[in-house]
Amino acid sequence: QLQASGGGLVQAGGSLRLSCAASGSIRSISTMGWYRQAPGKQRELVATVTIGGSTNYEDSVMGRFTISRDNAKNTVYLQMSSLKPEDTAVYYCNANIMSTFGMRYVPYWGQGTQVTVSS
């Protein structure tokens, strides 16, 4: 249902753009977001965006990361700039999706994409 792409290796101070596209029989998608999990740590929220475009960011990425979505393409993006080694993690996209014949929103997760920032 969710296919993430765009991870990779980048030097500190560099930029990357993650994308995550939802597919299938979709009636509506409410909140979409990005989470990350570094080795030995719990998964944490990075940023979310509502269907209306309201955004929320984890403090450490505010001002460096920008989340956006294209509702026509059922896709969420994460533009990451001024990357730091501590941003290194597997990044997961998340979306709350109501299927065509569904009656409620169900959370889905993408497969994860590795982001590695070298110092």
Protein backbone atom coordinates (compact mmCIF):
# COMPACT_ATOMS: atom_id res chain seq x y z
CA GLN A 1 0.00 0.00 0.00
CA LEU A 2 2.86 2.41 0.79
CA GLN A 3 6.08 2.53 -1.23
CA ALA A 4 8.89 4.73 0.06
CA SER A 5 11.91 5.86 -1.89
CA GLY A 6 14.69 8.44 -1.89
CA GLY A 7 17.01 7.35 0.90
CA GLY A 8 20.74 7.10 0.53
CA LEU A 9 24.15 8.22 1.72
CA VAL A 10 24.90 11.92 2.02
CA GLN A 11 27.53 14.06 3.67
CA ALA A 12 26.71 16.24 6.64
CA GLY A 13 25.13 19.47 5.47
CA GLY A 14 23.64 17.82 2.41
CA SER A 15 20.05 17.25 1.34
CA LEU A 16 17.79 14.36 0.47
CA ARG A 17 14.15 14.09 -0.55
CA LEU A 18 12.04 11.13 0.50
CA SER A 19 8.83 10.16 -1.26
CA CYS A 20 6.09 7.75 -0.26
CA ALA A 21 3.21 6.84 -2.54
CA ALA A 22 0.03 5.10 -1.47
CA SER A 23 -1.65 2.75 -3.89
CA GLY A 24 -4.72 0.54 -4.01
CA SER A 25 -8.43 1.19 -3.62
CA ILE A 26 -8.27 4.46 -1.73
CA ARG A 27 -11.20 6.66 -0.85
CA SER A 28 -9.38 9.06 1.43
CA ILE A 29 -6.13 9.58 3.31
CA SER A 30 -6.12 11.62 6.49
CA THR A 31 -2.84 12.29 8.29
CA MET A 32 0.40 11.24 6.58
CA GLY A 33 3.78 11.27 8.22
CA TRP A 34 7.37 10.21 8.51
CA TYR A 35 8.97 8.37 11.41
CA ARG A 36 12.53 7.18 11.89
CA GLN A 37 14.34 4.53 13.85
CA ALA A 38 18.06 4.68 14.58
CA PRO A 39 20.00 1.57 15.66
CA GLY A 40 19.24 0.71 19.27
CA LYS A 41 16.56 3.36 19.57
CA GLN A 42 12.79 3.43 19.43
CA ARG A 43 10.92 4.64 16.40
CA GLU A 44 10.20 8.36 16.70
CA LEU A 45 7.97 10.84 14.95
CA VAL A 46 9.72 13.14 12.47
CA ALA A 47 6.85 15.06 10.90
CA THR A 48 3.18 14.80 10.02
CA VAL A 49 0.84 16.58 7.63
CA THR A 50 -2.94 16.56 7.73
CA ILE A 51 -5.24 16.37 4.74
CA GLY A 52 -5.69 20.11 5.07
CA GLY A 53 -1.95 20.76 5.04
CA SER A 54 -1.29 21.44 8.71
CA THR A 55 2.17 20.25 9.70
CA ASN A 56 3.89 19.13 12.86
CA TYR A 57 7.63 18.55 13.38
CA GLU A 58 9.88 16.95 15.93
CA ASP A 59 11.96 19.68 17.55
CA SER A 60 15.34 18.53 16.25
CA VAL A 61 14.28 18.71 12.59
CA MET A 62 12.27 21.93 12.71
CA GLY A 63 13.67 24.43 10.25
CA ARG A 64 15.68 21.76 8.41
CA PHE A 65 13.00 19.32 7.21
CA THR A 66 9.83 20.10 5.28
CA ILE A 67 6.93 17.70 4.92
CA SER A 68 4.42 18.08 2.12
CA ARG A 69 1.83 16.03 0.29
CA ASP A 70 0.21 15.79 -3.11
CA ASN A 71 -3.35 14.62 -2.53
CA ALA A 72 -3.94 13.96 -6.22
CA LYS A 73 -1.02 11.53 -6.23
CA ASN A 74 -1.61 10.12 -2.73
CA THR A 75 2.02 10.92 -2.02
CA VAL A 76 3.86 12.42 0.92
CA TYR A 77 7.32 13.96 0.72
CA LEU A 78 10.05 14.81 3.20
CA GLN A 79 12.61 17.36 2.07
CA MET A 80 15.62 17.08 4.36
CA SER A 81 18.28 19.78 4.39
CA SER A 82 21.30 20.58 6.56
CA LEU A 83 21.49 16.91 7.42
CA LYS A 84 23.46 15.83 10.47
CA PRO A 85 25.00 12.47 11.36
CA GLU A 86 22.37 12.11 14.09
CA ASP A 87 19.69 12.06 11.37
CA THR A 88 21.00 8.65 10.32
CA ALA A 89 18.15 6.15 10.62
CA VAL A 90 15.66 4.06 8.72
CA TYR A 91 12.81 6.35 7.74
CA TYR A 92 9.27 4.99 7.58
CA CYS A 93 6.24 6.64 6.05
CA ASN A 94 2.83 6.29 7.61
CA ALA A 95 -0.63 7.06 6.31
CA ASN A 96 -4.14 6.67 7.66
CA ILE A 97 -6.14 5.32 4.75
CA MET A 98 -9.83 4.69 4.19
CA SER A 99 -10.33 2.17 1.43
CA THR A 100 -12.99 2.49 -1.22
CA PHE A 101 -15.43 0.28 0.66
CA GLY A 102 -14.11 1.00 4.12
CA MET A 103 -15.82 2.79 6.97
CA ARG A 104 -12.82 3.92 8.97
CA TYR A 105 -9.21 5.02 8.61
CA VAL A 106 -6.58 2.32 9.01
CA PRO A 107 -2.87 3.07 9.60
CA TYR A 108 -0.40 1.71 7.05
CA TRP A 109 3.40 1.72 7.09
CA GLY A 110 5.89 1.83 4.27
CA GLN A 111 8.82 -0.56 4.09
CA GLY A 112 11.43 1.88 5.36
CA THR A 113 14.26 3.60 3.53
CA GLN A 114 17.79 4.02 4.92
CA VAL A 115 19.23 7.50 5.33
CA THR A 116 22.91 7.66 6.27
CA VAL A 117 24.64 10.96 6.96
CA SER A 118 28.42 10.86 7.10
CA SER A 119 30.46 13.39 9.09
